[in-house]
Amino acid sequence: MDDWNHIGTCMQDAGCTADEIARAEMLCRAGAAEELLRCLRLCRSEQLETLHEKQKQLDRLDSLIRRTQNQL
């Protein structure tokens, strides 16, 4: 946990919130590796949930496109 800047930058690039990054920084600086890992996994889980929701939206649009094409 010697390079907080790298971790913070990666989290920011990954779309983590400012609160999530601040919590991770606190844990990193405190040397709480297990808690930091849990924090990172939670951030990942939230990102994955967002991805799944976006995929559902795309699926709906694809369905609408197909139905519209079939009517032509």
C-alpha atoms as a PDB file:
ATOM      1  CA  MET A   1       0.000   0.000   0.000  1.00  0.00           C
ATOM      2  CA  ASP A   2       2.911   2.283  -0.703  1.00  0.00           C
ATOM      3  CA  ASP A   3       1.435   4.112  -3.673  1.00  0.00           C
ATOM      4  CA  TRP A   4      -1.834   5.775  -2.728  1.00  0.00           C
ATOM      5  CA  ASN A   5      -1.723   8.072  -5.772  1.00  0.00           C
ATOM      6  CA  HIS A   6      -1.815   5.074  -8.094  1.00  0.00           C
ATOM      7  CA  ILE A   7      -4.749   3.510  -6.240  1.00  0.00           C
ATOM      8  CA  GLY A   8      -6.651   6.794  -6.129  1.00  0.00           C
ATOM      9  CA  THR A   9      -6.079   7.433  -9.821  1.00  0.00           C
ATOM     10  CA  CYS A  10      -7.204   3.931 -10.737  1.00  0.00           C
ATOM     11  CA  MET A  11     -10.341   4.288  -8.640  1.00  0.00           C
ATOM     12  CA  GLN A  12     -11.130   7.639 -10.218  1.00  0.00           C
ATOM     13  CA  ASP A  13     -10.587   6.209 -13.706  1.00  0.00           C
ATOM     14  CA  ALA A  14     -12.862   3.301 -12.786  1.00  0.00           C
ATOM     15  CA  GLY A  15     -15.690   5.692 -11.941  1.00  0.00           C
ATOM     16  CA  CYS A  16     -15.641   5.376  -8.165  1.00  0.00           C
ATOM     17  CA  THR A  17     -17.296   8.165  -6.231  1.00  0.00           C
ATOM     18  CA  ALA A  18     -15.371  10.781  -4.281  1.00  0.00           C
ATOM     19  CA  ASP A  19     -16.674   9.237  -1.043  1.00  0.00           C
ATOM     20  CA  GLU A  20     -15.463   5.782  -2.050  1.00  0.00           C
ATOM     21  CA  ILE A  21     -12.046   7.156  -2.968  1.00  0.00           C
ATOM     22  CA  ALA A  22     -11.792   9.092   0.298  1.00  0.00           C
ATOM     23  CA  ARG A  23     -12.675   5.974   2.298  1.00  0.00           C
ATOM     24  CA  ALA A  24     -10.130   3.907   0.376  1.00  0.00           C
ATOM     25  CA  GLU A  25      -7.467   6.539   0.969  1.00  0.00           C
ATOM     26  CA  MET A  26      -8.163   6.554   4.700  1.00  0.00           C
ATOM     27  CA  LEU A  27      -7.942   2.755   4.817  1.00  0.00           C
ATOM     28  CA  CYS A  28      -4.805   2.685   2.694  1.00  0.00           C
ATOM     29  CA  ARG A  29      -3.020   5.265   4.812  1.00  0.00           C
ATOM     30  CA  ALA A  30      -4.083   3.414   7.970  1.00  0.00           C
ATOM     31  CA  GLY A  31      -2.606   0.183   6.605  1.00  0.00           C
ATOM     32  CA  ALA A  32      -5.978  -1.560   6.787  1.00  0.00           C
ATOM     33  CA  ALA A  33      -5.399  -3.865   3.821  1.00  0.00           C
ATOM     34  CA  GLU A  34      -8.356  -6.188   4.472  1.00  0.00           C
ATOM     35  CA  GLU A  35     -10.780  -3.288   4.841  1.00  0.00           C
ATOM     36  CA  LEU A  36      -9.336  -1.638   1.734  1.00  0.00           C
ATOM     37  CA  LEU A  37      -9.884  -4.840  -0.196  1.00  0.00           C
ATOM     38  CA  ARG A  38     -13.510  -4.970   0.984  1.00  0.00           C
ATOM     39  CA  CYS A  39     -13.952  -1.342  -0.045  1.00  0.00           C
ATOM     40  CA  LEU A  40     -12.535  -2.011  -3.504  1.00  0.00           C
ATOM     41  CA  ARG A  41     -14.731  -5.084  -3.934  1.00  0.00           C
ATOM     42  CA  LEU A  42     -17.802  -3.062  -2.962  1.00  0.00           C
ATOM     43  CA  CYS A  43     -16.884  -0.393  -5.518  1.00  0.00           C
ATOM     44  CA  ARG A  44     -16.506  -3.119  -8.130  1.00  0.00           C
ATOM     45  CA  SER A  45     -19.849  -4.625  -7.218  1.00  0.00           C
ATOM     46  CA  GLU A  46     -21.554  -1.247  -7.595  1.00  0.00           C
ATOM     47  CA  GLN A  47     -19.881  -0.677 -10.961  1.00  0.00           C
ATOM     48  CA  LEU A  48     -20.992  -4.119 -12.117  1.00  0.00           C
ATOM     49  CA  GLU A  49     -24.577  -3.408 -11.069  1.00  0.00           C
ATOM     50  CA  THR A  50     -24.477  -0.195 -13.098  1.00  0.00           C
ATOM     51  CA  LEU A  51     -23.104  -2.110 -16.069  1.00  0.00           C
ATOM     52  CA  HIS A  52     -25.915  -4.658 -15.831  1.00  0.00           C
ATOM     53  CA  GLU A  53     -28.522  -1.899 -15.728  1.00  0.00           C
ATOM     54  CA  LYS A  54     -26.979  -0.281 -18.818  1.00  0.00           C
ATOM     55  CA  GLN A  55     -26.998  -3.661 -20.566  1.00  0.00           C
ATOM     56  CA  LYS A  56     -30.718  -4.020 -19.821  1.00  0.00           C
ATOM     57  CA  GLN A  57     -31.323  -0.587 -21.325  1.00  0.00           C
ATOM     58  CA  LEU A  58     -29.385  -1.528 -24.450  1.00  0.00           C
ATOM     59  CA  ASP A  59     -31.329  -4.773 -24.723  1.00  0.00           C
ATOM     60  CA  ARG A  60     -34.592  -2.820 -24.625  1.00  0.00           C
ATOM     61  CA  LEU A  61     -33.363  -0.496 -27.349  1.00  0.00           C
ATOM     62  CA  ASP A  62     -32.217  -3.435 -29.472  1.00  0.00           C
ATOM     63  CA  SER A  63     -35.654  -4.987 -29.114  1.00  0.00           C
ATOM     64  CA  LEU A  64     -37.319  -1.747 -30.155  1.00  0.00           C
ATOM     65  CA  ILE A  65     -34.997  -1.460 -33.155  1.00  0.00           C
ATOM     66  CA  ARG A  66     -35.786  -5.021 -34.246  1.00  0.00           C
ATOM     67  CA  ARG A  67     -39.553  -4.491 -33.912  1.00  0.00           C
ATOM     68  CA  THR A  68     -39.342  -1.269 -35.854  1.00  0.00           C
ATOM     69  CA  GLN A  69     -37.271  -2.895 -38.608  1.00  0.00           C
ATOM     70  CA  ASN A  70     -39.794  -5.722 -38.882  1.00  0.00           C
ATOM     71  CA  GLN A  71     -42.575  -3.217 -39.481  1.00  0.00           C
ATOM     72  CA  LEU A  72     -40.788  -1.739 -42.496  1.00  0.00           C
END
